[in-house]
Amino acid sequence: MSGDTATVDEQLLAAFEADGWVVLRDVLEPQEVERARDALAEAAAASEARGIPTRMDYLDPGGRNIRVYDLIEYSPVFAELVTHAIVVPYVVRLLDGDVSVSNFSANVALPGSRSMNAHNDQSTVMPEPWSVRYTMNAIWCLHDTDDANGATRYLPGSHRFECFADVPDDPTVGMRSFEAPAGSVILMDGRLWHTSGENTTTDRDRSLLFAFYARSFLRHQNNWNRTLSRDTRRRLDPQLKEWLGLGTGNMGYGAYLAARSS
């Protein structure tokens, strides 16, 4: 699971560096996609049963989005995805071998859903300047995702913005939609400005899972010690426990410095 010896496509890595994103196609088989969708539906119901709302108008105007946080708590399926053997090697390479799982959540755009405010995710865990990529997302597509059903929209080239002053007054102007079939994973630089698209269909949901990875010296978006039960923590792989901050603590940055000073 560490990704040290796994194969990555150097052309895809080069495309990611140039564009701030790339699509990994056919990561999941159709039956695996269905299993993940079922797990997400169960997680949404369990979240509501715990009193954790799944609809948040302050994020998603109109009440047509379903958001589920703390996914790893609800099913082993999500632990499998966040440590997936095809995806993790790319994350390890792109984050210079120093990885933590900052958050893992879902956003389901139902027909009629509207866009949230544009943002970049790295700005949520560290101040400007964003001259170095310290974060990234792996976006799991559980439905065919396109402009019509609310695909995530991104501003080309915006992963090179280093501060808020670089951002246009309206960053949604010129945005394009990520399009990918179900079972794909969209890798996205944490500095890329984006927003949720509008689902203008009448009968097509759009379910995406956002695995947000960060360098280990950054504080997580999610307090996993608080949100994961003891039973869940007990069943996690040791590597994943470290990435969630449940192991020996923040050792990654010290190791990074030591490795380069020897």
C-alpha atoms as a PDB file:
ATOM      1  CA  MET A   1       0.000   0.000   0.000  1.00  0.00           C
ATOM      2  CA  SER A   2       2.943   2.349   0.405  1.00  0.00           C
ATOM      3  CA  GLY A   3       3.293   2.669  -3.360  1.00  0.00           C
ATOM      4  CA  ASP A   4       7.089   2.528  -3.247  1.00  0.00           C
ATOM      5  CA  THR A   5       7.411  -0.223  -5.851  1.00  0.00           C
ATOM      6  CA  ALA A   6       4.094   0.084  -7.685  1.00  0.00           C
ATOM      7  CA  THR A   7       3.977   1.218 -11.280  1.00  0.00           C
ATOM      8  CA  VAL A   8       2.813   4.669 -12.299  1.00  0.00           C
ATOM      9  CA  ASP A   9       2.374   6.068 -15.794  1.00  0.00           C
ATOM     10  CA  GLU A  10       4.979   8.785 -16.252  1.00  0.00           C
ATOM     11  CA  GLN A  11       2.928  10.407 -19.017  1.00  0.00           C
ATOM     12  CA  LEU A  12      -0.017  10.769 -16.658  1.00  0.00           C
ATOM     13  CA  LEU A  13       2.252  12.300 -14.028  1.00  0.00           C
ATOM     14  CA  ALA A  14       3.573  14.761 -16.607  1.00  0.00           C
ATOM     15  CA  ALA A  15       0.009  15.674 -17.609  1.00  0.00           C
ATOM     16  CA  PHE A  16      -0.866  16.231 -13.954  1.00  0.00           C
ATOM     17  CA  GLU A  17       2.106  18.545 -13.481  1.00  0.00           C
ATOM     18  CA  ALA A  18       1.158  20.538 -16.590  1.00  0.00           C
ATOM     19  CA  ASP A  19      -2.607  20.756 -16.056  1.00  0.00           C
ATOM     20  CA  GLY A  20      -3.145  20.243 -12.325  1.00  0.00           C
ATOM     21  CA  TRP A  21      -5.301  17.159 -12.876  1.00  0.00           C
ATOM     22  CA  VAL A  22      -5.507  13.839 -14.686  1.00  0.00           C
ATOM     23  CA  VAL A  23      -8.015  10.988 -14.995  1.00  0.00           C
ATOM     24  CA  LEU A  24      -7.175   7.395 -14.054  1.00  0.00           C
ATOM     25  CA  ARG A  25      -9.699   5.330 -16.004  1.00  0.00           C
ATOM     26  CA  ASP A  26     -11.217   1.956 -15.129  1.00  0.00           C
ATOM     27  CA  VAL A  27      -9.836   1.827 -11.595  1.00  0.00           C
ATOM     28  CA  LEU A  28     -12.988   0.036 -10.422  1.00  0.00           C
ATOM     29  CA  GLU A  29     -14.954  -2.715 -12.118  1.00  0.00           C
ATOM     30  CA  PRO A  30     -18.734  -2.157 -12.491  1.00  0.00           C
ATOM     31  CA  GLN A  31     -19.526  -4.448  -9.551  1.00  0.00           C
ATOM     32  CA  GLU A  32     -17.052  -2.527  -7.389  1.00  0.00           C
ATOM     33  CA  VAL A  33     -18.715   0.745  -8.344  1.00  0.00           C
ATOM     34  CA  GLU A  34     -22.088  -0.692  -7.357  1.00  0.00           C
ATOM     35  CA  ARG A  35     -20.667  -1.873  -4.037  1.00  0.00           C
ATOM     36  CA  ALA A  36     -19.299   1.608  -3.320  1.00  0.00           C
ATOM     37  CA  ARG A  37     -22.617   3.248  -4.231  1.00  0.00           C
ATOM     38  CA  ASP A  38     -24.453   0.896  -1.880  1.00  0.00           C
ATOM     39  CA  ALA A  39     -21.968   1.670   0.895  1.00  0.00           C
ATOM     40  CA  LEU A  40     -22.445   5.400   0.308  1.00  0.00           C
ATOM     41  CA  ALA A  41     -26.242   5.134   0.536  1.00  0.00           C
ATOM     42  CA  GLU A  42     -25.883   3.247   3.825  1.00  0.00           C
ATOM     43  CA  ALA A  43     -23.376   5.827   5.096  1.00  0.00           C
ATOM     44  CA  ALA A  44     -25.750   8.701   4.316  1.00  0.00           C
ATOM     45  CA  ALA A  45     -28.563   6.980   6.222  1.00  0.00           C
ATOM     46  CA  ALA A  46     -26.238   6.218   9.154  1.00  0.00           C
ATOM     47  CA  SER A  47     -25.043   9.829   9.254  1.00  0.00           C
ATOM     48  CA  GLU A  48     -28.606  11.110   9.462  1.00  0.00           C
ATOM     49  CA  ALA A  49     -29.418   8.526  12.137  1.00  0.00           C
ATOM     50  CA  ARG A  50     -26.524   9.881  14.232  1.00  0.00           C
ATOM     51  CA  GLY A  51     -27.874  13.404  13.918  1.00  0.00           C
ATOM     52  CA  ILE A  52     -25.228  14.517  11.427  1.00  0.00           C
ATOM     53  CA  PRO A  53     -27.075  16.314   8.616  1.00  0.00           C
ATOM     54  CA  THR A  54     -26.300  15.459   5.011  1.00  0.00           C
ATOM     55  CA  ARG A  55     -27.792  18.596   3.466  1.00  0.00           C
ATOM     56  CA  MET A  56     -26.068  21.916   4.094  1.00  0.00           C
ATOM     57  CA  ASP A  57     -27.540  25.009   2.469  1.00  0.00           C
ATOM     58  CA  TYR A  58     -24.593  27.161   3.514  1.00  0.00           C
ATOM     59  CA  LEU A  59     -22.407  25.028   1.222  1.00  0.00           C
ATOM     60  CA  ASP A  60     -24.863  23.901  -1.433  1.00  0.00           C
ATOM     61  CA  PRO A  61     -27.720  26.290  -2.207  1.00  0.00           C
ATOM     62  CA  GLY A  62     -31.056  24.678  -2.949  1.00  0.00           C
ATOM     63  CA  GLY A  63     -30.785  21.576  -0.792  1.00  0.00           C
ATOM     64  CA  ARG A  64     -30.167  19.173  -3.677  1.00  0.00           C
ATOM     65  CA  ASN A  65     -26.751  17.929  -2.595  1.00  0.00           C
ATOM     66  CA  ILE A  66     -26.089  15.103  -0.144  1.00  0.00           C
ATOM     67  CA  ARG A  67     -22.807  15.316   1.748  1.00  0.00           C
ATOM     68  CA  VAL A  68     -21.393  12.533   3.883  1.00  0.00           C
ATOM     69  CA  TYR A  69     -18.314  13.066   6.030  1.00  0.00           C
ATOM     70  CA  ASP A  70     -16.103  10.624   7.975  1.00  0.00           C
ATOM     71  CA  LEU A  71     -16.601   7.941   5.310  1.00  0.00           C
ATOM     72  CA  ILE A  72     -14.015   5.588   6.802  1.00  0.00           C
ATOM     73  CA  GLU A  73     -16.211   5.258   9.892  1.00  0.00           C
ATOM     74  CA  TYR A  74     -19.128   3.792   7.970  1.00  0.00           C
ATOM     75  CA  SER A  75     -17.764   0.932   5.862  1.00  0.00           C
ATOM     76  CA  PRO A  76     -14.519  -0.944   5.136  1.00  0.00           C
ATOM     77  CA  VAL A  77     -15.204  -0.140   1.474  1.00  0.00           C
ATOM     78  CA  PHE A  78     -13.969   3.409   2.030  1.00  0.00           C
ATOM     79  CA  ALA A  79     -10.766   2.317   3.762  1.00  0.00           C
ATOM     80  CA  GLU A  80     -10.114   0.123   0.734  1.00  0.00           C
ATOM     81  CA  LEU A  81     -10.602   3.031  -1.653  1.00  0.00           C
ATOM     82  CA  VAL A  82      -8.427   5.534   0.199  1.00  0.00           C
ATOM     83  CA  THR A  83      -5.580   2.988   0.165  1.00  0.00           C
ATOM     84  CA  HIS A  84      -6.242   1.618  -3.333  1.00  0.00           C
ATOM     85  CA  ALA A  85      -3.188   0.013  -4.929  1.00  0.00           C
ATOM     86  CA  ILE A  86      -3.662   1.798  -8.267  1.00  0.00           C
ATOM     87  CA  VAL A  87      -4.228   5.281  -6.841  1.00  0.00           C
ATOM     88  CA  VAL A  88      -1.857   5.452  -3.866  1.00  0.00           C
ATOM     89  CA  PRO A  89       1.374   5.225  -5.919  1.00  0.00           C
ATOM     90  CA  TYR A  90       0.388   8.417  -7.734  1.00  0.00           C
ATOM     91  CA  VAL A  91      -0.399  10.156  -4.450  1.00  0.00           C
ATOM     92  CA  VAL A  92       2.936   9.067  -2.982  1.00  0.00           C
ATOM     93  CA  ARG A  93       4.843  10.396  -5.981  1.00  0.00           C
ATOM     94  CA  LEU A  94       2.945  13.664  -6.200  1.00  0.00           C
ATOM     95  CA  LEU A  95       3.296  14.408  -2.474  1.00  0.00           C
ATOM     96  CA  ASP A  96       6.990  13.523  -2.388  1.00  0.00           C
ATOM     97  CA  GLY A  97       6.474  10.351  -0.373  1.00  0.00           C
ATOM     98  CA  ASP A  98       5.028  12.176   2.664  1.00  0.00           C
ATOM     99  CA  VAL A  99       1.314  11.329   2.823  1.00  0.00           C
ATOM    100  CA  SER A 100      -1.542  11.739   5.257  1.00  0.00           C
ATOM    101  CA  VAL A 101      -5.292  11.389   4.775  1.00  0.00           C
ATOM    102  CA  SER A 102      -6.712  14.761   5.715  1.00  0.00           C
ATOM    103  CA  ASN A 103     -10.344  14.013   4.890  1.00  0.00           C
ATOM    104  CA  PHE A 104     -12.586  11.603   2.995  1.00  0.00           C
ATOM    105  CA  SER A 105     -16.109  12.719   2.162  1.00  0.00           C
ATOM    106  CA  ALA A 106     -18.851  12.389  -0.450  1.00  0.00           C
ATOM    107  CA  ASN A 107     -20.877  14.864  -2.469  1.00  0.00           C
ATOM    108  CA  VAL A 108     -23.946  13.569  -4.304  1.00  0.00           C
ATOM    109  CA  ALA A 109     -25.470  16.053  -6.754  1.00  0.00           C
ATOM    110  CA  LEU A 110     -29.143  15.227  -7.233  1.00  0.00           C
ATOM    111  CA  PRO A 111     -31.082  16.568 -10.230  1.00  0.00           C
ATOM    112  CA  GLY A 112     -31.567  20.288  -9.712  1.00  0.00           C
ATOM    113  CA  SER A 113     -28.450  20.770  -7.589  1.00  0.00           C
ATOM    114  CA  ARG A 114     -26.580  24.068  -7.832  1.00  0.00           C
ATOM    115  CA  SER A 115     -22.938  25.109  -7.552  1.00  0.00           C
ATOM    116  CA  MET A 116     -21.113  25.983  -4.354  1.00  0.00           C
ATOM    117  CA  ASN A 117     -18.574  28.810  -4.076  1.00  0.00           C
ATOM    118  CA  ALA A 118     -15.311  28.409  -5.983  1.00  0.00           C
ATOM    119  CA  HIS A 119     -12.267  27.546  -3.875  1.00  0.00           C
ATOM    120  CA  ASN A 120      -9.031  25.625  -3.745  1.00  0.00           C
ATOM    121  CA  ASP A 121      -8.611  22.962  -1.086  1.00  0.00           C
ATOM    122  CA  GLN A 122      -5.037  23.751  -0.092  1.00  0.00           C
ATOM    123  CA  SER A 123      -6.201  27.147   1.177  1.00  0.00           C
ATOM    124  CA  THR A 124      -8.374  25.355   3.749  1.00  0.00           C
ATOM    125  CA  VAL A 125      -5.372  23.850   5.550  1.00  0.00           C
ATOM    126  CA  MET A 126      -2.604  26.430   5.103  1.00  0.00           C
ATOM    127  CA  PRO A 127      -2.191  30.145   4.387  1.00  0.00           C
ATOM    128  CA  GLU A 128      -0.843  31.622   1.186  1.00  0.00           C
ATOM    129  CA  PRO A 129       1.527  31.494  -0.637  1.00  0.00           C
ATOM    130  CA  TRP A 130       0.724  28.149  -2.263  1.00  0.00           C
ATOM    131  CA  SER A 131       3.973  27.934  -4.184  1.00  0.00           C
ATOM    132  CA  VAL A 132       4.368  24.198  -3.450  1.00  0.00           C
ATOM    133  CA  ARG A 133       1.797  21.430  -3.852  1.00  0.00           C
ATOM    134  CA  TYR A 134       1.236  20.127  -0.348  1.00  0.00           C
ATOM    135  CA  THR A 135      -2.250  18.659  -0.953  1.00  0.00           C
ATOM    136  CA  MET A 136      -4.256  16.808  -3.596  1.00  0.00           C
ATOM    137  CA  ASN A 137      -7.558  15.036  -4.116  1.00  0.00           C
ATOM    138  CA  ALA A 138      -8.398  11.646  -5.513  1.00  0.00           C
ATOM    139  CA  ILE A 139     -12.000  12.006  -6.718  1.00  0.00           C
ATOM    140  CA  TRP A 140     -13.814   8.701  -7.109  1.00  0.00           C
ATOM    141  CA  CYS A 141     -16.556   8.744  -9.756  1.00  0.00           C
ATOM    142  CA  LEU A 142     -19.417   6.456  -8.764  1.00  0.00           C
ATOM    143  CA  HIS A 143     -21.563   7.578 -11.694  1.00  0.00           C
ATOM    144  CA  ASP A 144     -20.695   8.646 -15.218  1.00  0.00           C
ATOM    145  CA  THR A 145     -19.764  12.276 -14.619  1.00  0.00           C
ATOM    146  CA  ASP A 146     -20.252  15.074 -17.138  1.00  0.00           C
ATOM    147  CA  ASP A 147     -21.280  18.699 -17.487  1.00  0.00           C
ATOM    148  CA  ALA A 148     -24.997  17.896 -17.497  1.00  0.00           C
ATOM    149  CA  ASN A 149     -25.151  16.001 -14.195  1.00  0.00           C
ATOM    150  CA  GLY A 150     -22.934  18.311 -12.164  1.00  0.00           C
ATOM    151  CA  ALA A 151     -19.337  17.325 -12.773  1.00  0.00           C
ATOM    152  CA  THR A 152     -16.772  19.246 -10.744  1.00  0.00           C
ATOM    153  CA  ARG A 153     -15.720  22.369 -12.649  1.00  0.00           C
ATOM    154  CA  TYR A 154     -12.155  23.671 -12.590  1.00  0.00           C
ATOM    155  CA  LEU A 155     -10.301  26.769 -13.757  1.00  0.00           C
ATOM    156  CA  PRO A 156      -7.483  25.745 -16.135  1.00  0.00           C
ATOM    157  CA  GLY A 157      -4.032  26.808 -14.977  1.00  0.00           C
ATOM    158  CA  SER A 158      -5.227  27.940 -11.555  1.00  0.00           C
ATOM    159  CA  HIS A 159      -2.960  25.463  -9.755  1.00  0.00           C
ATOM    160  CA  ARG A 160      -0.230  28.012 -10.486  1.00  0.00           C
ATOM    161  CA  PHE A 161      -1.955  30.754  -8.471  1.00  0.00           C
ATOM    162  CA  GLU A 162       0.134  31.383  -5.354  1.00  0.00           C
ATOM    163  CA  CYS A 163      -2.137  33.753  -3.421  1.00  0.00           C
ATOM    164  CA  PHE A 164      -5.668  35.162  -3.364  1.00  0.00           C
ATOM    165  CA  ALA A 165      -4.471  38.227  -5.284  1.00  0.00           C
ATOM    166  CA  ASP A 166      -3.790  35.961  -8.281  1.00  0.00           C
ATOM    167  CA  VAL A 167      -7.396  34.750  -8.390  1.00  0.00           C
ATOM    168  CA  PRO A 168      -9.782  36.495 -10.842  1.00  0.00           C
ATOM    169  CA  ASP A 169     -12.706  38.417  -9.370  1.00  0.00           C
ATOM    170  CA  ASP A 170     -14.974  35.664 -10.679  1.00  0.00           C
ATOM    171  CA  PRO A 171     -12.976  32.427 -10.904  1.00  0.00           C
ATOM    172  CA  THR A 172     -15.965  30.571 -12.349  1.00  0.00           C
ATOM    173  CA  VAL A 173     -15.520  32.390 -15.667  1.00  0.00           C
ATOM    174  CA  GLY A 174     -13.655  30.053 -17.975  1.00  0.00           C
ATOM    175  CA  MET A 175     -14.186  26.972 -15.835  1.00  0.00           C
ATOM    176  CA  ARG A 176     -14.505  23.594 -17.515  1.00  0.00           C
ATOM    177  CA  SER A 177     -16.028  20.308 -16.356  1.00  0.00           C
ATOM    178  CA  PHE A 178     -14.127  17.184 -15.437  1.00  0.00           C
ATOM    179  CA  GLU A 179     -15.731  14.356 -17.398  1.00  0.00           C
ATOM    180  CA  ALA A 180     -15.053  10.713 -16.593  1.00  0.00           C
ATOM    181  CA  PRO A 181     -16.928   7.399 -16.631  1.00  0.00           C
ATOM    182  CA  ALA A 182     -17.992   5.591 -13.465  1.00  0.00           C
ATOM    183  CA  GLY A 183     -15.091   3.707 -11.937  1.00  0.00           C
ATOM    184  CA  SER A 184     -12.579   6.417 -12.796  1.00  0.00           C
ATOM    185  CA  VAL A 185     -10.526   8.499 -10.381  1.00  0.00           C
ATOM    186  CA  ILE A 186      -9.735  12.149 -11.055  1.00  0.00           C
ATOM    187  CA  LEU A 187      -6.461  13.231  -9.452  1.00  0.00           C
ATOM    188  CA  MET A 188      -6.547  16.973  -8.712  1.00  0.00           C
ATOM    189  CA  ASP A 189      -3.864  19.318  -7.395  1.00  0.00           C
ATOM    190  CA  GLY A 190      -5.001  20.846  -4.094  1.00  0.00           C
ATOM    191  CA  ARG A 191      -4.238  24.308  -5.471  1.00  0.00           C
ATOM    192  CA  LEU A 192      -6.580  23.992  -8.472  1.00  0.00           C
ATOM    193  CA  TRP A 193      -9.593  26.315  -8.174  1.00  0.00           C
ATOM    194  CA  HIS A 194     -12.864  24.486  -8.654  1.00  0.00           C
ATOM    195  CA  THR A 195     -16.527  24.232  -7.735  1.00  0.00           C
ATOM    196  CA  SER A 196     -19.328  21.705  -7.902  1.00  0.00           C
ATOM    197  CA  GLY A 197     -21.267  21.792 -11.149  1.00  0.00           C
ATOM    198  CA  GLU A 198     -25.015  22.170 -11.502  1.00  0.00           C
ATOM    199  CA  ASN A 199     -26.987  19.004 -12.155  1.00  0.00           C
ATOM    200  CA  THR A 200     -29.344  20.114 -14.914  1.00  0.00           C
ATOM    201  CA  THR A 201     -30.711  16.630 -15.615  1.00  0.00           C
ATOM    202  CA  THR A 202     -34.057  15.343 -14.432  1.00  0.00           C
ATOM    203  CA  ASP A 203     -33.078  11.758 -13.705  1.00  0.00           C
ATOM    204  CA  ARG A 204     -29.309  11.363 -13.205  1.00  0.00           C
ATOM    205  CA  ASP A 205     -27.487  11.499  -9.870  1.00  0.00           C
ATOM    206  CA  ARG A 206     -23.789  12.331  -9.686  1.00  0.00           C
ATOM    207  CA  SER A 207     -21.918  10.716  -6.783  1.00  0.00           C
ATOM    208  CA  LEU A 208     -18.300  11.652  -6.104  1.00  0.00           C
ATOM    209  CA  LEU A 209     -16.013  10.671  -3.232  1.00  0.00           C
ATOM    210  CA  PHE A 210     -13.243  13.126  -2.324  1.00  0.00           C
ATOM    211  CA  ALA A 211     -10.140  11.631  -0.719  1.00  0.00           C
ATOM    212  CA  PHE A 212      -8.103  14.646   0.363  1.00  0.00           C
ATOM    213  CA  TYR A 213      -4.430  13.846   0.935  1.00  0.00           C
ATOM    214  CA  ALA A 214      -1.898  16.238   2.471  1.00  0.00           C
ATOM    215  CA  ARG A 215       1.698  16.356   3.543  1.00  0.00           C
ATOM    216  CA  SER A 216       1.927  15.073   7.080  1.00  0.00           C
ATOM    217  CA  PHE A 217       3.031  18.328   8.717  1.00  0.00           C
ATOM    218  CA  LEU A 218      -0.330  19.938   7.885  1.00  0.00           C
ATOM    219  CA  ARG A 219      -3.201  19.706  10.313  1.00  0.00           C
ATOM    220  CA  HIS A 220      -5.944  17.400   9.010  1.00  0.00           C
ATOM    221  CA  GLN A 221      -9.320  18.756   7.988  1.00  0.00           C
ATOM    222  CA  ASN A 222     -10.879  15.848   9.892  1.00  0.00           C
ATOM    223  CA  ASN A 223     -10.139  15.005  13.519  1.00  0.00           C
ATOM    224  CA  TRP A 224     -10.002  11.245  12.988  1.00  0.00           C
ATOM    225  CA  ASN A 225      -9.414  10.582  16.681  1.00  0.00           C
ATOM    226  CA  ARG A 226     -12.839  12.070  17.319  1.00  0.00           C
ATOM    227  CA  THR A 227     -14.799  10.770  14.337  1.00  0.00           C
ATOM    228  CA  LEU A 228     -13.620   7.151  14.182  1.00  0.00           C
ATOM    229  CA  SER A 229     -14.969   4.684  16.737  1.00  0.00           C
ATOM    230  CA  ARG A 230     -12.700   2.281  18.578  1.00  0.00           C
ATOM    231  CA  ASP A 231     -14.087  -0.629  16.568  1.00  0.00           C
ATOM    232  CA  THR A 232     -13.247   1.135  13.299  1.00  0.00           C
ATOM    233  CA  ARG A 233      -9.756   2.059  14.470  1.00  0.00           C
ATOM    234  CA  ARG A 234      -9.049  -1.521  15.503  1.00  0.00           C
ATOM    235  CA  ARG A 235      -9.762  -2.902  12.032  1.00  0.00           C
ATOM    236  CA  LEU A 236      -7.657  -0.384  10.093  1.00  0.00           C
ATOM    237  CA  ASP A 237      -4.441  -1.312   8.352  1.00  0.00           C
ATOM    238  CA  PRO A 238      -1.357  -0.021  10.275  1.00  0.00           C
ATOM    239  CA  GLN A 239      -0.302   2.189   7.338  1.00  0.00           C
ATOM    240  CA  LEU A 240      -3.717   3.781   7.152  1.00  0.00           C
ATOM    241  CA  LYS A 241      -3.638   4.430  10.909  1.00  0.00           C
ATOM    242  CA  GLU A 242      -0.409   6.356  10.404  1.00  0.00           C
ATOM    243  CA  TRP A 243      -1.895   8.358   7.530  1.00  0.00           C
ATOM    244  CA  LEU A 244      -4.896   9.229   9.712  1.00  0.00           C
ATOM    245  CA  GLY A 245      -2.668  10.406  12.561  1.00  0.00           C
ATOM    246  CA  LEU A 246      -3.666   7.497  14.804  1.00  0.00           C
ATOM    247  CA  GLY A 247      -0.202   5.982  15.106  1.00  0.00           C
ATOM    248  CA  THR A 248       3.086   7.427  16.270  1.00  0.00           C
ATOM    249  CA  GLY A 249       2.210  10.991  15.367  1.00  0.00           C
ATOM    250  CA  ASN A 250       3.642  13.460  12.881  1.00  0.00           C
ATOM    251  CA  MET A 251       6.968  11.916  11.896  1.00  0.00           C
ATOM    252  CA  GLY A 252       6.860  12.552   8.145  1.00  0.00           C
ATOM    253  CA  TYR A 253       8.403  15.998   7.977  1.00  0.00           C
ATOM    254  CA  GLY A 254      11.293  15.080  10.254  1.00  0.00           C
ATOM    255  CA  ALA A 255      12.012  12.050   8.093  1.00  0.00           C
ATOM    256  CA  TYR A 256      11.874  14.259   5.013  1.00  0.00           C
ATOM    257  CA  LEU A 257      14.495  16.610   6.453  1.00  0.00           C
ATOM    258  CA  ALA A 258      16.712  13.812   7.705  1.00  0.00           C
ATOM    259  CA  ALA A 259      16.655  12.027   4.361  1.00  0.00           C
ATOM    260  CA  ARG A 260      17.870  15.141   2.569  1.00  0.00           C
ATOM    261  CA  SER A 261      20.526  16.119   5.099  1.00  0.00           C
ATOM    262  CA  SER A 262      22.321  12.761   5.069  1.00  0.00           C
END
